[in-house]
């Protein structure tokens, strides 16, 4: 199989896998990785990486409990505040505060 044919096969497999990603992420990526590996387009390490990525993507679409969401938000906020300094621009801060207030008023969450 020529390099161009392999490239075309990989692109086709990844396109189909991506298009169906939201349906059954793990199954589609497993099929795509298996076909790519069987045709010699990708090696076992790459196929395993594709499978792991598919599994992680599938888990990322699971619903969080309110408690999990709270702690994830706290963790992300702490990381951001630790990594970046406060932005000292009163006009920008007022604008962002207004957006935040609109989101709060529009939310069905407490």
Protein backbone atom coordinates (compact mmCIF):
# COMPACT_ATOMS: atom_id res chain seq x y z
CA UNK A 1 0.00 0.00 0.00
CA UNK A 2 1.43 3.36 -0.98
CA UNK A 3 1.96 6.18 1.50
CA UNK A 4 -0.76 8.22 -0.20
CA UNK A 5 -3.24 5.31 0.01
CA UNK A 6 -2.43 4.83 3.69
CA UNK A 7 -2.87 8.52 4.35
CA UNK A 8 -6.23 8.47 2.54
CA UNK A 9 -7.31 5.42 4.54
CA UNK A 10 -6.33 7.06 7.83
CA UNK A 11 -8.17 10.26 6.94
CA UNK A 12 -11.27 8.28 5.96
CA UNK A 13 -11.19 6.23 9.15
CA UNK A 14 -10.68 9.25 11.37
CA UNK A 15 -13.39 11.20 9.55
CA UNK A 16 -15.95 8.44 10.08
CA UNK A 17 -14.82 7.97 13.68
CA UNK A 18 -15.09 11.69 14.37
CA UNK A 19 -18.50 11.97 12.70
CA UNK A 20 -19.86 9.17 14.85
CA UNK A 21 -17.96 10.17 17.97
CA UNK A 22 -20.99 11.48 19.78
CA UNK A 23 -22.99 8.31 19.17
CA UNK A 24 -20.73 5.65 20.64
CA UNK A 25 -17.33 7.08 21.15
CA UNK A 26 -15.62 3.95 22.46
CA UNK A 27 -17.03 1.58 19.86
CA UNK A 28 -16.31 3.76 16.85
CA UNK A 29 -12.78 4.63 17.88
CA UNK A 30 -12.11 0.98 18.64
CA UNK A 31 -13.29 0.00 15.16
CA UNK A 32 -11.27 2.78 13.54
CA UNK A 33 -8.15 1.86 15.51
CA UNK A 34 -8.58 -1.83 14.68
CA UNK A 35 -9.00 -1.15 10.96
CA UNK A 36 -6.02 1.21 10.92
CA UNK A 37 -3.89 -1.34 12.73
CA UNK A 38 -5.05 -4.24 10.53
CA UNK A 39 -4.22 -2.35 7.35
CA UNK A 40 -0.80 -1.37 8.66
CA UNK A 41 -1.69 2.31 8.53
CA UNK A 42 -0.97 2.77 12.23
CA UNK A 43 1.01 0.71 14.71
CA UNK A 44 -0.26 -0.89 17.92
CA UNK A 45 0.90 2.04 20.10
CA UNK A 46 -1.04 4.53 17.95
CA UNK A 47 -4.13 2.29 17.92
CA UNK A 48 -4.03 1.99 21.72
CA UNK A 49 -3.69 5.77 21.99
CA UNK A 50 -6.77 6.23 19.78
CA UNK A 51 -8.74 3.76 21.90
CA UNK A 52 -7.75 5.51 25.16
CA UNK A 53 -8.71 8.88 23.71
CA UNK A 54 -12.11 7.50 22.66
CA UNK A 55 -12.72 6.12 26.14
CA UNK A 56 -11.81 9.44 27.74
CA UNK A 57 -14.05 11.35 25.33
CA UNK A 58 -16.93 9.01 26.12
CA UNK A 59 -16.46 9.54 29.87
CA UNK A 60 -16.33 13.31 29.37
CA UNK A 61 -19.95 13.30 28.19
CA UNK A 62 -21.24 11.71 31.39
CA UNK A 63 -23.34 13.92 33.65
CA UNK A 64 -21.79 15.29 36.83
CA UNK A 65 -23.60 15.33 40.12
CA UNK A 66 -24.10 18.81 41.57
CA UNK A 67 -21.47 17.98 44.22
CA UNK A 68 -18.92 16.90 41.58
CA UNK A 69 -19.63 20.03 39.57
CA UNK A 70 -19.09 22.19 42.65
CA UNK A 71 -15.71 20.65 43.45
CA UNK A 72 -14.56 20.71 39.83
CA UNK A 73 -15.43 24.42 39.67
CA UNK A 74 -13.56 25.13 42.90
CA UNK A 75 -10.51 23.26 41.63
CA UNK A 76 -10.48 25.04 38.28
CA UNK A 77 -10.96 28.43 39.95
CA UNK A 78 -8.09 27.77 42.34
CA UNK A 79 -5.82 26.74 39.47
CA UNK A 80 -6.68 29.81 37.41
CA UNK A 81 -6.24 32.19 40.36
CA UNK A 82 -2.92 30.57 41.22
CA UNK A 83 -1.59 30.70 37.68
CA UNK A 84 -2.76 34.12 36.45
CA UNK A 85 -2.73 37.51 38.17
CA UNK A 86 -5.90 39.53 38.53
CA UNK A 87 -6.67 41.69 35.51
CA UNK A 88 -6.65 45.29 36.70
CA UNK A 89 -9.01 46.88 34.18
CA UNK A 90 -12.13 48.28 35.84
CA UNK A 91 -14.14 48.54 32.61
CA UNK A 92 -13.37 44.95 31.57
CA UNK A 93 -14.11 43.66 35.08
CA UNK A 94 -17.47 45.45 35.16
CA UNK A 95 -18.34 44.00 31.75
CA UNK A 96 -17.43 40.46 32.84
CA UNK A 97 -19.36 40.93 36.08
CA UNK A 98 -22.45 41.97 34.07
CA UNK A 99 -22.15 38.85 31.90
CA UNK A 100 -21.82 36.71 35.03
CA UNK A 101 -24.92 38.30 36.54
CA UNK A 102 -26.92 37.59 33.37
CA UNK A 103 -25.80 33.96 33.44
CA UNK A 104 -26.81 33.69 37.10
CA UNK A 105 -30.24 35.22 36.46
CA UNK A 106 -30.79 32.91 33.48
CA UNK A 107 -29.75 29.75 35.30
CA UNK A 108 -32.16 27.29 36.83
CA UNK A 109 -29.43 26.31 39.31
CA UNK A 110 -29.23 27.88 42.76
